[in-house]
Amino acid sequence: MTTHTLTHDRRIALLAGIVLTMVLVAVLSLAVGCSPKASTEAPAKSEQNSASSMDGQPVNWTIQSDCATCHTSEAASPQDAACVQAVAHEAEGVTCAQCHTDESTLSTSHTSVKFGDKPATKPTVVTVDEQTCVSCHGSMQDMAAKTVDSKALTDDNGVTVNPHERPAGQAHEDNPATCTDCHNNHSKAVEKDAMKYCAQCHHRGTFQCGTCHELRERSTK
């Protein structure tokens, strides 16, 4: 075998090695490209809020239960400057159960509640007894003396009434107001709430009586 022949064979072998290497690199590149990539994205919201092992289990509510577990909106109101009533109660260290004292009604309302249910919505039952308010704030007469200069209830005509001293009248006597008719501790608009209560009987924007339903004598001349 001549030297020329050996050199030629070596070149062929070298070329074959280069081709084989290129083929292997291509195969490996395809394999890497098809393999799953490590995700840098945050997990989906449903994964972040994965179901708890307690979901579906009865809450077994008691008067000592932590209301904030479900009533997140109400629990946040004492830290919301717009909820002046809640902030004031928080400053005095008042807890939920000190105001919401109707244990029987509360127990019935929570009978079918389970962990994992939708967030609690606005309550449809009154669980704050008026005497609970009176025990801290005093009677309606006591409150009337404190709000004698209040302008909270002023109608569109500039007529102002003391929110805790309603004018005498049969309709007012037949339908005495209670604290929770106007006050919602978690509300951001106590004056608006009070006006809504008045508007159940009075025309919105005026406290004048007899503006619509009073019988008037009409001249026949």
N, C-alpha and C. Protein backbone atom coordinates (compact mmCIF):
# COMPACT_ATOMS: atom_id res chain seq x y z
N MET A 1 0.86 -1.20 0.00
CA MET A 1 0.00 0.00 0.00
C MET A 1 0.89 1.23 0.00
N THR A 2 0.58 2.12 -0.90
CA THR A 2 1.43 3.29 -1.06
C THR A 2 1.10 4.35 -0.05
N THR A 3 2.05 5.29 0.11
CA THR A 3 1.85 6.40 1.05
C THR A 3 0.67 7.25 0.63
N HIS A 4 0.47 7.39 -0.67
CA HIS A 4 -0.64 8.20 -1.18
C HIS A 4 -1.99 7.59 -0.79
N THR A 5 -2.01 6.25 -0.87
CA THR A 5 -3.26 5.56 -0.53
C THR A 5 -3.58 5.73 0.95
N LEU A 6 -2.57 5.66 1.85
CA LEU A 6 -2.77 5.82 3.28
C LEU A 6 -3.26 7.22 3.61
N THR A 7 -2.68 8.18 2.98
CA THR A 7 -3.09 9.58 3.22
C THR A 7 -4.54 9.78 2.80
N HIS A 8 -4.90 9.18 1.67
CA HIS A 8 -6.28 9.31 1.16
C HIS A 8 -7.27 8.67 2.14
N ASP A 9 -6.91 7.48 2.66
CA ASP A 9 -7.79 6.78 3.61
C ASP A 9 -7.96 7.58 4.90
N ARG A 10 -6.86 8.20 5.33
CA ARG A 10 -6.93 9.00 6.57
C ARG A 10 -7.87 10.20 6.38
N ARG A 11 -7.79 10.82 5.23
CA ARG A 11 -8.67 11.96 4.95
C ARG A 11 -10.14 11.55 4.97
N ILE A 12 -10.38 10.39 4.34
CA ILE A 12 -11.77 9.89 4.32
C ILE A 12 -12.27 9.63 5.73
N ALA A 13 -11.38 8.99 6.56
CA ALA A 13 -11.75 8.66 7.94
C ALA A 13 -12.00 9.93 8.75
N LEU A 14 -11.14 10.94 8.54
CA LEU A 14 -11.30 12.21 9.26
C LEU A 14 -12.60 12.90 8.88
N LEU A 15 -12.89 12.89 7.57
CA LEU A 15 -14.12 13.51 7.07
C LEU A 15 -15.35 12.79 7.63
N ALA A 16 -15.26 11.46 7.68
CA ALA A 16 -16.38 10.68 8.21
C ALA A 16 -16.60 10.99 9.69
N GLY A 17 -15.45 11.19 10.40
CA GLY A 17 -15.57 11.53 11.83
C GLY A 17 -16.23 12.88 12.05
N ILE A 18 -15.85 13.82 11.16
CA ILE A 18 -16.46 15.17 11.28
C ILE A 18 -17.95 15.11 11.01
N VAL A 19 -18.33 14.39 9.97
CA VAL A 19 -19.77 14.25 9.62
C VAL A 19 -20.53 13.58 10.75
N LEU A 20 -19.93 12.53 11.33
CA LEU A 20 -20.60 11.82 12.42
C LEU A 20 -20.79 12.73 13.62
N THR A 21 -19.74 13.55 13.89
CA THR A 21 -19.83 14.50 15.02
C THR A 21 -20.95 15.50 14.80
N MET A 22 -21.06 16.03 13.59
CA MET A 22 -22.10 17.00 13.24
C MET A 22 -23.49 16.39 13.40
N VAL A 23 -23.61 15.12 12.98
CA VAL A 23 -24.90 14.43 13.10
C VAL A 23 -25.28 14.27 14.56
N LEU A 24 -24.30 13.89 15.40
CA LEU A 24 -24.57 13.72 16.83
C LEU A 24 -24.98 15.04 17.48
N VAL A 25 -24.28 16.12 17.09
CA VAL A 25 -24.62 17.45 17.64
C VAL A 25 -26.04 17.84 17.26
N ALA A 26 -26.41 17.59 16.01
CA ALA A 26 -27.76 17.92 15.55
C ALA A 26 -28.81 17.13 16.31
N VAL A 27 -28.54 15.82 16.50
CA VAL A 27 -29.49 14.97 17.23
C VAL A 27 -29.66 15.45 18.66
N LEU A 28 -28.53 15.78 19.30
CA LEU A 28 -28.59 16.26 20.68
C LEU A 28 -29.33 17.58 20.78
N SER A 29 -29.15 18.47 19.81
CA SER A 29 -29.84 19.77 19.80
C SER A 29 -31.34 19.58 19.71
N LEU A 30 -31.75 18.64 18.84
CA LEU A 30 -33.18 18.35 18.72
C LEU A 30 -33.74 17.79 20.01
N ALA A 31 -32.97 16.93 20.64
CA ALA A 31 -33.43 16.31 21.89
C ALA A 31 -33.60 17.34 22.98
N VAL A 32 -32.64 18.27 23.08
CA VAL A 32 -32.72 19.32 24.09
C VAL A 32 -33.88 20.25 23.80
N GLY A 33 -34.07 20.57 22.50
CA GLY A 33 -35.15 21.47 22.12
C GLY A 33 -36.51 20.90 22.43
N CYS A 34 -36.67 19.59 22.39
CA CYS A 34 -37.96 18.96 22.66
C CYS A 34 -38.19 18.68 24.12
N SER A 35 -37.16 18.75 24.92
CA SER A 35 -37.31 18.43 26.34
C SER A 35 -38.03 19.55 27.07
N PRO A 36 -38.77 19.27 28.13
CA PRO A 36 -39.47 20.31 28.89
C PRO A 36 -38.51 21.34 29.46
N LYS A 37 -38.87 22.61 29.38
CA LYS A 37 -38.04 23.68 29.92
C LYS A 37 -38.50 24.05 31.31
N ALA A 38 -37.57 24.43 32.14
CA ALA A 38 -37.92 24.87 33.49
C ALA A 38 -38.71 26.17 33.39
N SER A 39 -39.92 26.19 33.96
CA SER A 39 -40.78 27.37 33.88
C SER A 39 -40.33 28.44 34.86
N THR A 40 -40.25 29.68 34.32
CA THR A 40 -39.89 30.81 35.18
C THR A 40 -41.12 31.63 35.52
N GLU A 41 -42.30 31.20 35.01
CA GLU A 41 -43.53 31.93 35.26
C GLU A 41 -44.11 31.54 36.62
N ALA A 42 -44.84 32.48 37.22
CA ALA A 42 -45.48 32.20 38.50
C ALA A 42 -46.60 31.20 38.29
N PRO A 43 -46.87 30.34 39.25
CA PRO A 43 -47.95 29.37 39.10
C PRO A 43 -49.28 30.07 38.94
N ALA A 44 -50.18 29.40 38.26
CA ALA A 44 -51.51 29.98 38.05
C ALA A 44 -52.18 30.27 39.37
N LYS A 45 -53.14 31.18 39.31
CA LYS A 45 -53.83 31.60 40.53
C LYS A 45 -54.48 30.42 41.22
N SER A 46 -55.04 29.51 40.42
CA SER A 46 -55.70 28.35 41.01
C SER A 46 -54.72 27.47 41.75
N GLU A 47 -53.43 27.44 41.25
CA GLU A 47 -52.41 26.64 41.93
C GLU A 47 -51.96 27.32 43.21
N GLN A 48 -51.90 28.68 43.16
CA GLN A 48 -51.49 29.42 44.35
C GLN A 48 -52.51 29.25 45.47
N ASN A 49 -53.78 29.23 45.05
CA ASN A 49 -54.86 29.09 46.04
C ASN A 49 -55.41 27.67 46.00
N SER A 50 -54.53 26.71 46.13
CA SER A 50 -54.94 25.33 46.06
C SER A 50 -55.90 25.00 47.20
N ALA A 51 -56.75 24.04 46.95
CA ALA A 51 -57.76 23.68 47.92
C ALA A 51 -57.13 23.24 49.23
N SER A 52 -57.72 23.67 50.31
CA SER A 52 -57.25 23.29 51.63
C SER A 52 -57.84 21.94 52.01
N SER A 53 -57.15 21.25 52.87
CA SER A 53 -57.66 19.95 53.33
C SER A 53 -58.93 20.11 54.14
N MET A 54 -59.20 21.37 54.61
CA MET A 54 -60.39 21.63 55.41
C MET A 54 -61.61 21.97 54.55
N ASP A 55 -61.39 22.24 53.26
CA ASP A 55 -62.50 22.62 52.38
C ASP A 55 -63.61 21.56 52.40
N GLY A 56 -64.82 22.06 52.53
CA GLY A 56 -65.97 21.15 52.56
C GLY A 56 -66.36 20.70 53.96
N GLN A 57 -65.49 20.97 54.93
CA GLN A 57 -65.78 20.59 56.31
C GLN A 57 -66.66 21.67 56.98
N PRO A 58 -67.60 21.29 57.85
CA PRO A 58 -68.44 22.27 58.54
C PRO A 58 -67.59 23.21 59.39
N VAL A 59 -67.98 24.48 59.42
CA VAL A 59 -67.26 25.47 60.21
C VAL A 59 -67.47 25.27 61.71
N ASN A 60 -68.66 24.76 62.07
CA ASN A 60 -69.01 24.57 63.49
C ASN A 60 -68.84 25.87 64.27
N TRP A 61 -69.55 26.89 63.81
CA TRP A 61 -69.44 28.23 64.38
C TRP A 61 -69.83 28.28 65.85
N THR A 62 -69.09 29.09 66.62
CA THR A 62 -69.47 29.42 67.99
C THR A 62 -69.25 30.91 68.16
N ILE A 63 -69.74 31.48 69.24
CA ILE A 63 -69.59 32.90 69.49
C ILE A 63 -68.12 33.29 69.66
N GLN A 64 -67.26 32.30 69.91
CA GLN A 64 -65.83 32.57 70.07
C GLN A 64 -65.06 32.43 68.74
N SER A 65 -65.75 32.08 67.66
CA SER A 65 -65.08 31.89 66.37
C SER A 65 -64.44 33.18 65.88
N ASP A 66 -63.39 33.04 65.09
CA ASP A 66 -62.71 34.20 64.52
C ASP A 66 -63.48 34.65 63.28
N CYS A 67 -64.21 35.76 63.39
CA CYS A 67 -65.05 36.25 62.30
C CYS A 67 -64.22 36.60 61.06
N ALA A 68 -62.98 37.06 61.28
CA ALA A 68 -62.13 37.52 60.19
C ALA A 68 -61.77 36.40 59.22
N THR A 69 -61.94 35.14 59.62
CA THR A 69 -61.63 34.02 58.75
C THR A 69 -62.46 34.08 57.47
N CYS A 70 -63.72 34.48 57.61
CA CYS A 70 -64.63 34.54 56.45
C CYS A 70 -65.03 35.97 56.10
N HIS A 71 -65.27 36.79 57.12
CA HIS A 71 -65.74 38.15 56.90
C HIS A 71 -64.55 39.09 56.73
N THR A 72 -63.81 38.89 55.64
CA THR A 72 -62.57 39.64 55.43
C THR A 72 -62.82 41.13 55.21
N SER A 73 -63.90 41.48 54.51
CA SER A 73 -64.19 42.89 54.25
C SER A 73 -64.49 43.63 55.53
N GLU A 74 -65.34 43.03 56.37
CA GLU A 74 -65.68 43.66 57.64
C GLU A 74 -64.47 43.72 58.57
N ALA A 75 -63.65 42.69 58.53
CA ALA A 75 -62.47 42.66 59.39
C ALA A 75 -61.48 43.76 59.02
N ALA A 76 -61.49 44.19 57.75
CA ALA A 76 -60.56 45.22 57.30
C ALA A 76 -61.07 46.63 57.60
N SER A 77 -62.35 46.79 57.83
CA SER A 77 -62.92 48.14 57.99
C SER A 77 -62.36 48.92 59.18
N PRO A 78 -62.00 48.30 60.30
CA PRO A 78 -61.43 49.09 61.41
C PRO A 78 -60.10 49.77 61.07
N GLN A 79 -59.45 49.31 59.98
CA GLN A 79 -58.20 49.94 59.55
C GLN A 79 -58.41 50.88 58.37
N ASP A 80 -59.67 51.04 57.96
CA ASP A 80 -60.01 51.90 56.83
C ASP A 80 -60.49 53.25 57.37
N ALA A 81 -59.72 54.30 57.13
CA ALA A 81 -60.07 55.62 57.66
C ALA A 81 -61.44 56.09 57.21
N ALA A 82 -61.93 55.58 56.07
CA ALA A 82 -63.25 55.97 55.58
C ALA A 82 -64.38 55.39 56.42
N CYS A 83 -64.10 54.30 57.13
CA CYS A 83 -65.11 53.67 57.99
C CYS A 83 -64.95 54.23 59.40
N VAL A 84 -65.42 55.45 59.59
CA VAL A 84 -65.16 56.16 60.85
C VAL A 84 -65.73 55.45 62.06
N GLN A 85 -66.89 54.79 61.90
CA GLN A 85 -67.48 54.10 63.04
C GLN A 85 -66.64 52.89 63.45
N ALA A 86 -66.19 52.13 62.46
CA ALA A 86 -65.38 50.95 62.75
C ALA A 86 -64.04 51.34 63.38
N VAL A 87 -63.45 52.41 62.87
CA VAL A 87 -62.17 52.89 63.41
C VAL A 87 -62.33 53.31 64.87
N ALA A 88 -63.44 53.99 65.16
CA ALA A 88 -63.69 54.44 66.53
C ALA A 88 -63.88 53.26 67.47
N HIS A 89 -64.59 52.24 67.02
CA HIS A 89 -64.80 51.06 67.86
C HIS A 89 -63.49 50.30 68.08
N GLU A 90 -62.67 50.25 67.03
CA GLU A 90 -61.38 49.57 67.13
C GLU A 90 -60.50 50.27 68.16
N ALA A 91 -60.55 51.60 68.17
CA ALA A 91 -59.73 52.38 69.11
C ALA A 91 -60.12 52.09 70.55
N GLU A 92 -61.37 51.71 70.76
CA GLU A 92 -61.84 51.39 72.11
C GLU A 92 -61.69 49.91 72.43
N GLY A 93 -61.12 49.15 71.50
CA GLY A 93 -60.89 47.72 71.74
C GLY A 93 -62.13 46.87 71.65
N VAL A 94 -63.15 47.35 70.94
CA VAL A 94 -64.41 46.61 70.82
C VAL A 94 -64.24 45.46 69.83
N THR A 95 -64.67 44.26 70.21
CA THR A 95 -64.58 43.09 69.34
C THR A 95 -65.92 42.81 68.68
N CYS A 96 -65.91 41.96 67.67
CA CYS A 96 -67.14 41.63 66.94
C CYS A 96 -68.23 41.13 67.88
N ALA A 97 -67.87 40.18 68.74
CA ALA A 97 -68.86 39.54 69.61
C ALA A 97 -69.42 40.47 70.67
N GLN A 98 -68.77 41.62 70.89
CA GLN A 98 -69.30 42.57 71.86
C GLN A 98 -70.49 43.34 71.29
N CYS A 99 -70.55 43.45 69.97
CA CYS A 99 -71.67 44.12 69.33
C CYS A 99 -72.67 43.11 68.75
N HIS A 100 -72.14 42.09 68.09
CA HIS A 100 -73.00 41.05 67.51
C HIS A 100 -73.30 40.01 68.59
N THR A 101 -74.30 40.30 69.38
CA THR A 101 -74.56 39.49 70.57
C THR A 101 -75.71 38.49 70.40
N ASP A 102 -76.42 38.55 69.28
CA ASP A 102 -77.56 37.65 69.08
C ASP A 102 -77.05 36.27 68.68
N GLU A 103 -76.61 35.51 69.65
CA GLU A 103 -75.97 34.22 69.40
C GLU A 103 -76.89 33.23 68.70
N SER A 104 -78.16 33.24 69.06
CA SER A 104 -79.10 32.30 68.46
C SER A 104 -79.24 32.53 66.95
N THR A 105 -79.43 33.80 66.56
CA THR A 105 -79.57 34.12 65.13
C THR A 105 -78.28 33.83 64.39
N LEU A 106 -77.15 34.18 64.98
CA LEU A 106 -75.86 33.93 64.35
C LEU A 106 -75.61 32.44 64.16
N SER A 107 -75.97 31.65 65.15
CA SER A 107 -75.78 30.21 65.07
C SER A 107 -76.60 29.62 63.93
N THR A 108 -77.84 30.07 63.81
CA THR A 108 -78.71 29.60 62.73
C THR A 108 -78.15 29.99 61.37
N SER A 109 -77.64 31.20 61.26
CA SER A 109 -77.11 31.71 59.99
C SER A 109 -75.88 30.94 59.54
N HIS A 110 -75.14 30.38 60.48
CA HIS A 110 -73.89 29.68 60.14
C HIS A 110 -74.05 28.16 60.09
N THR A 111 -75.28 27.67 60.18
CA THR A 111 -75.51 26.23 60.25
C THR A 111 -74.91 25.47 59.07
N SER A 112 -75.11 25.98 57.86
CA SER A 112 -74.67 25.24 56.67
C SER A 112 -73.34 25.75 56.10
N VAL A 113 -72.67 26.64 56.82
CA VAL A 113 -71.41 27.20 56.31
C VAL A 113 -70.28 26.18 56.40
N LYS A 114 -69.51 26.07 55.32
CA LYS A 114 -68.39 25.13 55.27
C LYS A 114 -67.11 25.87 54.87
N PHE A 115 -65.98 25.33 55.28
CA PHE A 115 -64.70 25.89 54.87
C PHE A 115 -64.58 25.77 53.35
N GLY A 116 -64.05 26.82 52.73
CA GLY A 116 -63.89 26.81 51.28
C GLY A 116 -65.07 27.41 50.55
N ASP A 117 -66.13 27.80 51.28
CA ASP A 117 -67.27 28.45 50.64
C ASP A 117 -66.84 29.81 50.09
N LYS A 118 -67.69 30.40 49.26
CA LYS A 118 -67.42 31.74 48.74
C LYS A 118 -67.33 32.72 49.90
N PRO A 119 -66.56 33.80 49.74
CA PRO A 119 -66.44 34.80 50.81
C PRO A 119 -67.81 35.27 51.28
N ALA A 120 -67.92 35.53 52.57
CA ALA A 120 -69.19 35.95 53.15
C ALA A 120 -69.65 37.25 52.53
N THR A 121 -70.95 37.34 52.28
CA THR A 121 -71.52 38.55 51.71
C THR A 121 -72.22 39.35 52.80
N LYS A 122 -72.82 40.46 52.41
CA LYS A 122 -73.50 41.33 53.36
C LYS A 122 -74.56 40.54 54.13
N PRO A 123 -74.58 40.62 55.45
CA PRO A 123 -75.55 39.88 56.24
C PRO A 123 -76.98 40.37 55.97
N THR A 124 -77.92 39.46 56.05
CA THR A 124 -79.32 39.80 55.80
C THR A 124 -80.14 39.78 57.08
N VAL A 125 -79.49 39.56 58.20
CA VAL A 125 -80.20 39.55 59.48
C VAL A 125 -79.51 40.52 60.44
N VAL A 126 -80.31 41.09 61.34
CA VAL A 126 -79.77 42.01 62.34
C VAL A 126 -79.31 41.20 63.55
N THR A 127 -78.04 41.35 63.91
CA THR A 127 -77.51 40.58 65.04
C THR A 127 -76.95 41.50 66.13
N VAL A 128 -77.22 42.81 65.98
CA VAL A 128 -76.79 43.77 66.99
C VAL A 128 -78.03 44.27 67.72
N ASP A 129 -78.11 43.98 68.99
CA ASP A 129 -79.26 44.41 69.79
C ASP A 129 -79.10 45.87 70.19
N GLU A 130 -80.21 46.62 70.14
CA GLU A 130 -80.14 48.05 70.45
C GLU A 130 -79.60 48.31 71.85
N GLN A 131 -79.95 47.46 72.79
CA GLN A 131 -79.49 47.65 74.16
C GLN A 131 -77.97 47.54 74.28
N THR A 132 -77.36 46.82 73.34
CA THR A 132 -75.90 46.73 73.32
C THR A 132 -75.31 48.09 73.02
N CYS A 133 -75.93 48.81 72.05
CA CYS A 133 -75.48 50.16 71.72
C CYS A 133 -75.72 51.10 72.91
N VAL A 134 -76.89 50.99 73.51
CA VAL A 134 -77.26 51.85 74.63
C VAL A 134 -76.30 51.67 75.80
N SER A 135 -75.84 50.45 76.01
CA SER A 135 -74.96 50.18 77.15
C SER A 135 -73.65 50.97 77.07
N CYS A 136 -73.24 51.36 75.87
CA CYS A 136 -72.02 52.15 75.71
C CYS A 136 -72.30 53.61 75.39
N HIS A 137 -73.26 53.84 74.52
CA HIS A 137 -73.51 55.19 74.01
C HIS A 137 -74.59 55.95 74.75
N GLY A 138 -75.37 55.25 75.56
CA GLY A 138 -76.47 55.92 76.25
C GLY A 138 -77.76 55.83 75.45
N SER A 139 -78.83 56.39 76.01
CA SER A 139 -80.14 56.32 75.38
C SER A 139 -80.22 57.26 74.17
N MET A 140 -81.33 57.19 73.44
CA MET A 140 -81.53 58.08 72.30
C MET A 140 -81.54 59.54 72.77
N GLN A 141 -82.10 59.77 73.95
CA GLN A 141 -82.12 61.13 74.51
C GLN A 141 -80.70 61.61 74.81
N ASP A 142 -79.88 60.70 75.34
CA ASP A 142 -78.48 61.04 75.62
C ASP A 142 -77.74 61.40 74.32
N MET A 143 -77.99 60.62 73.29
CA MET A 143 -77.33 60.87 72.01
C MET A 143 -77.84 62.16 71.37
N ALA A 144 -79.14 62.46 71.56
CA ALA A 144 -79.70 63.68 71.01
C ALA A 144 -79.01 64.91 71.58
N ALA A 145 -78.68 64.85 72.86
CA ALA A 145 -77.98 65.97 73.50
C ALA A 145 -76.57 66.14 72.93
N LYS A 146 -75.95 65.03 72.51
CA LYS A 146 -74.61 65.09 71.97
C LYS A 146 -74.58 65.56 70.52
N THR A 147 -75.70 65.39 69.82
CA THR A 147 -75.73 65.74 68.38
C THR A 147 -76.66 66.91 68.09
N VAL A 148 -76.89 67.75 69.10
CA VAL A 148 -77.81 68.87 68.93
C VAL A 148 -77.34 69.83 67.83
N ASP A 149 -76.05 69.92 67.60
CA ASP A 149 -75.52 70.82 66.58
C ASP A 149 -75.14 70.10 65.28
N SER A 150 -75.51 68.84 65.18
CA SER A 150 -75.14 68.07 63.99
C SER A 150 -75.89 68.56 62.75
N LYS A 151 -75.18 68.60 61.64
CA LYS A 151 -75.76 68.99 60.36
C LYS A 151 -75.87 67.77 59.42
N ALA A 152 -75.71 66.60 59.99
CA ALA A 152 -75.69 65.38 59.18
C ALA A 152 -76.97 65.20 58.38
N LEU A 153 -78.11 65.50 59.00
CA LEU A 153 -79.39 65.37 58.31
C LEU A 153 -79.92 66.74 57.93
N THR A 154 -79.49 67.22 56.79
CA THR A 154 -79.94 68.50 56.24
C THR A 154 -80.50 68.25 54.85
N ASP A 155 -81.75 68.63 54.63
CA ASP A 155 -82.35 68.34 53.33
C ASP A 155 -81.96 69.40 52.30
N ASP A 156 -82.48 69.25 51.10
CA ASP A 156 -82.12 70.14 50.00
C ASP A 156 -82.63 71.56 50.20
N ASN A 157 -83.58 71.74 51.13
CA ASN A 157 -84.12 73.06 51.41
C ASN A 157 -83.41 73.73 52.58
N GLY A 158 -82.39 73.07 53.11
CA GLY A 158 -81.64 73.63 54.22
C GLY A 158 -82.24 73.33 55.58
N VAL A 159 -83.27 72.50 55.62
CA VAL A 159 -83.89 72.11 56.90
C VAL A 159 -83.03 71.04 57.56
N THR A 160 -82.66 71.28 58.81
CA THR A 160 -81.81 70.34 59.56
C THR A 160 -82.57 69.77 60.73
N VAL A 161 -82.43 68.46 60.93
CA VAL A 161 -83.03 67.81 62.09
C VAL A 161 -81.95 67.10 62.87
N ASN A 162 -82.12 67.04 64.17
CA ASN A 162 -81.19 66.30 65.02
C ASN A 162 -81.38 64.81 64.71
N PRO A 163 -80.35 64.11 64.27
CA PRO A 163 -80.51 62.71 63.87
C PRO A 163 -80.99 61.79 64.97
N HIS A 164 -80.85 62.21 66.24
CA HIS A 164 -81.29 61.36 67.34
C HIS A 164 -82.51 61.92 68.07
N GLU A 165 -83.15 62.92 67.48
CA GLU A 165 -84.35 63.48 68.07
C GLU A 165 -85.35 63.79 66.95
N ARG A 166 -86.11 62.80 66.58
CA ARG A 166 -87.04 62.97 65.47
C ARG A 166 -88.22 63.84 65.92
N PRO A 167 -88.72 64.69 65.02
CA PRO A 167 -89.88 65.53 65.36
C PRO A 167 -91.08 64.68 65.76
N ALA A 168 -91.89 65.22 66.67
CA ALA A 168 -93.07 64.50 67.13
C ALA A 168 -94.04 64.30 65.98
N GLY A 169 -94.70 63.17 66.01
CA GLY A 169 -95.66 62.87 64.95
C GLY A 169 -96.11 61.43 65.06
N GLN A 170 -97.32 61.16 64.63
CA GLN A 170 -97.88 59.81 64.76
C GLN A 170 -97.05 58.79 63.98
N ALA A 171 -96.61 59.18 62.79
CA ALA A 171 -95.84 58.24 61.97
C ALA A 171 -94.52 57.86 62.64
N HIS A 172 -93.87 58.85 63.28
CA HIS A 172 -92.62 58.57 63.98
C HIS A 172 -92.86 57.71 65.22
N GLU A 173 -93.97 57.97 65.89
CA GLU A 173 -94.28 57.20 67.10
C GLU A 173 -94.64 55.76 66.76
N ASP A 174 -95.29 55.58 65.63
CA ASP A 174 -95.67 54.22 65.21
C ASP A 174 -94.47 53.44 64.66
N ASN A 175 -93.44 54.15 64.23
CA ASN A 175 -92.27 53.50 63.65
C ASN A 175 -91.00 54.03 64.30
N PRO A 176 -90.77 53.67 65.56
CA PRO A 176 -89.58 54.18 66.27
C PRO A 176 -88.30 53.67 65.61
N ALA A 177 -87.35 54.56 65.47
CA ALA A 177 -86.06 54.19 64.85
C ALA A 177 -85.18 53.47 65.85
N THR A 178 -84.38 52.55 65.37
CA THR A 178 -83.38 51.88 66.19
C THR A 178 -82.00 52.25 65.66
N CYS A 179 -80.99 51.98 66.44
CA CYS A 179 -79.62 52.37 66.07
C CYS A 179 -79.20 51.82 64.71
N THR A 180 -79.50 50.53 64.49
CA THR A 180 -79.05 49.88 63.25
C THR A 180 -79.85 50.29 62.03
N ASP A 181 -80.92 51.07 62.20
CA ASP A 181 -81.64 51.58 61.03
C ASP A 181 -80.74 52.53 60.24
N CYS A 182 -79.90 53.26 60.93
CA CYS A 182 -79.02 54.23 60.28
C CYS A 182 -77.54 53.86 60.37
N HIS A 183 -77.16 53.16 61.43
CA HIS A 183 -75.74 52.89 61.67
C HIS A 183 -75.34 51.48 61.27
N ASN A 184 -74.35 51.42 60.40
CA ASN A 184 -73.69 50.16 60.07
C ASN A 184 -72.21 50.38 60.35
N ASN A 185 -71.71 49.70 61.34
CA ASN A 185 -70.34 49.93 61.81
C ASN A 185 -69.30 49.84 60.70
N HIS A 186 -69.59 49.07 59.64
CA HIS A 186 -68.61 48.86 58.58
C HIS A 186 -68.86 49.73 57.35
N SER A 187 -69.80 50.66 57.47
CA SER A 187 -70.14 51.52 56.33
C SER A 187 -69.18 52.70 56.22
N LYS A 188 -68.99 53.16 54.98
CA LYS A 188 -68.16 54.34 54.72
C LYS A 188 -69.02 55.60 54.57
N ALA A 189 -70.35 55.47 54.68
CA ALA A 189 -71.22 56.62 54.42
C ALA A 189 -72.39 56.63 55.39
N VAL A 190 -72.12 56.89 56.68
CA VAL A 190 -73.18 56.85 57.68
C VAL A 190 -74.26 57.89 57.40
N GLU A 191 -73.89 59.09 56.95
CA GLU A 191 -74.89 60.13 56.67
C GLU A 191 -75.78 59.72 55.50
N LYS A 192 -75.18 59.12 54.49
CA LYS A 192 -75.95 58.65 53.35
C LYS A 192 -76.89 57.53 53.76
N ASP A 193 -76.41 56.64 54.64
CA ASP A 193 -77.25 55.55 55.13
C ASP A 193 -78.46 56.09 55.88
N ALA A 194 -78.23 57.13 56.71
CA ALA A 194 -79.32 57.73 57.48
C ALA A 194 -80.34 58.37 56.56
N MET A 195 -79.86 59.05 55.53
CA MET A 195 -80.76 59.68 54.57
C MET A 195 -81.61 58.64 53.85
N LYS A 196 -81.02 57.50 53.54
CA LYS A 196 -81.77 56.43 52.88
C LYS A 196 -82.91 55.94 53.78
N TYR A 197 -82.62 55.88 55.08
CA TYR A 197 -83.66 55.45 56.03
C TYR A 197 -84.81 56.46 56.02
N CYS A 198 -84.48 57.75 56.06
CA CYS A 198 -85.51 58.79 56.06
C CYS A 198 -86.32 58.75 54.77
N ALA A 199 -85.64 58.44 53.66
CA ALA A 199 -86.27 58.46 52.35
C ALA A 199 -87.28 57.33 52.16
N GLN A 200 -87.36 56.42 53.10
CA GLN A 200 -88.37 55.37 53.01
C GLN A 200 -89.77 55.97 53.16
N CYS A 201 -89.85 57.10 53.86
CA CYS A 201 -91.14 57.76 54.05
C CYS A 201 -91.14 59.16 53.45
N HIS A 202 -90.09 59.91 53.67
CA HIS A 202 -90.00 61.27 53.15
C HIS A 202 -89.50 61.24 51.71
N HIS A 203 -89.90 62.24 50.95
CA HIS A 203 -89.36 62.36 49.61
C HIS A 203 -87.87 62.64 49.73
N ARG A 204 -87.09 62.02 48.87
CA ARG A 204 -85.65 62.21 48.92
C ARG A 204 -85.32 63.68 48.73
N GLY A 205 -84.57 64.22 49.68
CA GLY A 205 -84.15 65.60 49.58
C GLY A 205 -85.02 66.60 50.31
N THR A 206 -86.09 66.11 50.95
CA THR A 206 -86.93 67.04 51.72
C THR A 206 -87.54 66.34 52.93
N PHE A 207 -87.53 67.03 54.08
CA PHE A 207 -88.12 66.47 55.29
C PHE A 207 -89.53 67.01 55.53
N GLN A 208 -90.03 67.81 54.61
CA GLN A 208 -91.36 68.39 54.78
C GLN A 208 -92.44 67.31 54.73
N CYS A 209 -93.43 67.43 55.61
CA CYS A 209 -94.53 66.48 55.64
C CYS A 209 -95.64 66.94 54.69
N GLY A 210 -96.43 65.99 54.22
CA GLY A 210 -97.59 66.32 53.42
C GLY A 210 -97.29 66.87 52.05
N THR A 211 -96.13 66.56 51.49
CA THR A 211 -95.78 67.11 50.19
C THR A 211 -96.47 66.38 49.05
N CYS A 212 -97.04 65.23 49.34
CA CYS A 212 -97.64 64.47 48.25
C CYS A 212 -99.00 63.89 48.63
N HIS A 213 -99.11 63.30 49.80
CA HIS A 213 -100.31 62.54 50.14
C HIS A 213 -101.34 63.30 50.98
N GLU A 214 -101.02 64.53 51.35
CA GLU A 214 -101.97 65.29 52.14
C GLU A 214 -103.13 65.77 51.27
N LEU A 215 -104.38 65.60 51.79
CA LEU A 215 -105.56 66.06 51.05
C LEU A 215 -105.68 67.57 51.18
N ARG A 216 -105.85 68.25 50.10
CA ARG A 216 -105.95 69.70 50.10
C ARG A 216 -107.32 70.13 49.59
N GLU A 217 -107.87 71.18 50.19
CA GLU A 217 -109.15 71.72 49.70
C GLU A 217 -108.90 72.53 48.45
N ARG A 218 -109.66 72.27 47.45
CA ARG A 218 -109.49 72.98 46.19
C ARG A 218 -110.69 73.90 45.96
N SER A 219 -110.42 75.09 45.52
CA SER A 219 -111.49 76.06 45.27
C SER A 219 -112.31 75.63 44.07
N THR A 220 -113.65 75.76 44.21
CA THR A 220 -114.54 75.38 43.12
C THR A 220 -114.92 76.57 42.27
N LYS A 221 -114.41 77.76 42.65
CA LYS A 221 -114.76 78.96 41.90
C LYS A 221 -113.88 79.10 40.65
